[in-house]
Amino acid sequence: MSSKKLSVSVVIPNFNGRHLLEKQIPRVLKACKEAQIIVVDDASTDNSLAFLQTHFPQITVVAHPKNLRFAAACNTGVKASVGEIVVLLNNDVEPEANFLAPLVKWFDEPAVFAVGCAEYNGQRISGRSGGDFRRGLLVHWRAKDQTQTDTLWVSGGSAAFRKSIWLELGGMDTNFTPAYEEDRDICYRALKYGYGVHFEPKAKVTHNHETTNTKTLGRRLMQAASYKNHLLFVWKNITSANLLLRHFLWLPYRLIIDGLRAQGLPLIGFGWALTYLPAILKLRQVNASKSKVSDEAIIAQYQRV
């Protein structure tokens, strides 16, 4: 175990969230006194930049000239960070004063890639997850027990990551634009590479969900994006011949039966996913060449979580 104190950067992606930053930034500064604080503004139109420059000049602000969505904002923030550990916090997430130390402690183990926070939303706690390969897709769920530390993935809105491994993995995949699955994708790739992904119940945050994507892009487009990205996840990451066979056998059912139930959105998502296929197949080759852990081994570990 390392005794070296690890440096920390906190990255907050922001799009039209001035009202949230006004409340959140003082809490982040209090909870992360020795950390570098970065806000990545994703081309906001609500005066977020001027607000930050006026009221919080000590914060590093990086501005996108055009809106690139969540994964790109996270990648920009990590690239701008100086810390060995990067904590991602959504602009609607409020950290408790002592949330950081339990997270950072995990990284004394060099093979740990990510550690997720315990998200409180009223009386509900989330952050620890399980998953299984069902009807041709990797499905996931909130674990009933939120006190253990094993998890299939961590939320990109409240988790710590080792920067060096993030860069090795290539960061979040912007092919999952506009949103959904990008945090599950990077965690699954890390697991296949043999790195650790964990949950820390003592790292408590409050998540006041703002649903920015739905407000900005509309519910129907975001539902189509969800179908698209579930498909891209399989096409990019699943290398097991058995699981791939199951995926393609179930695909007609997913497109036709689920399509009828969901007003054609699965078919729209499928067509949308096909436009990303050349890029996804290239990434698939890279992932397959570096994988050390099988899909079956990962699924067997987390299907009971």
Foldseek 3Di string as FASTA:
>chain_A
DDPDDFAEAEEEEDAQPQVLCVPAVVLCCLQCVRHAYEYEYQCHPNCNVVVCVVPPVSHHYHYDVHHLADQVSVVVRLVPGPTQKYWAAYSQKHWDNHQPVLQSVVCVPVQAFKEAEFEDEPPDTFFAKFWAQDLLFIDMDTDPDQAFKAHLFGDNNGMMGRSVVCVVLVGFDSLLPPDDDRRSLSSNLSVQLPGGYIYDHSNYMYGPDPPVVCVVPNDLVVLLSHLLVRVLSCLQEAPDPVSNVSNVVSVVCCQPVVCVVSVRSNVSSVVSNVVCNVVSNVNSVVSVVNGDDHPVVSNVVRVVD
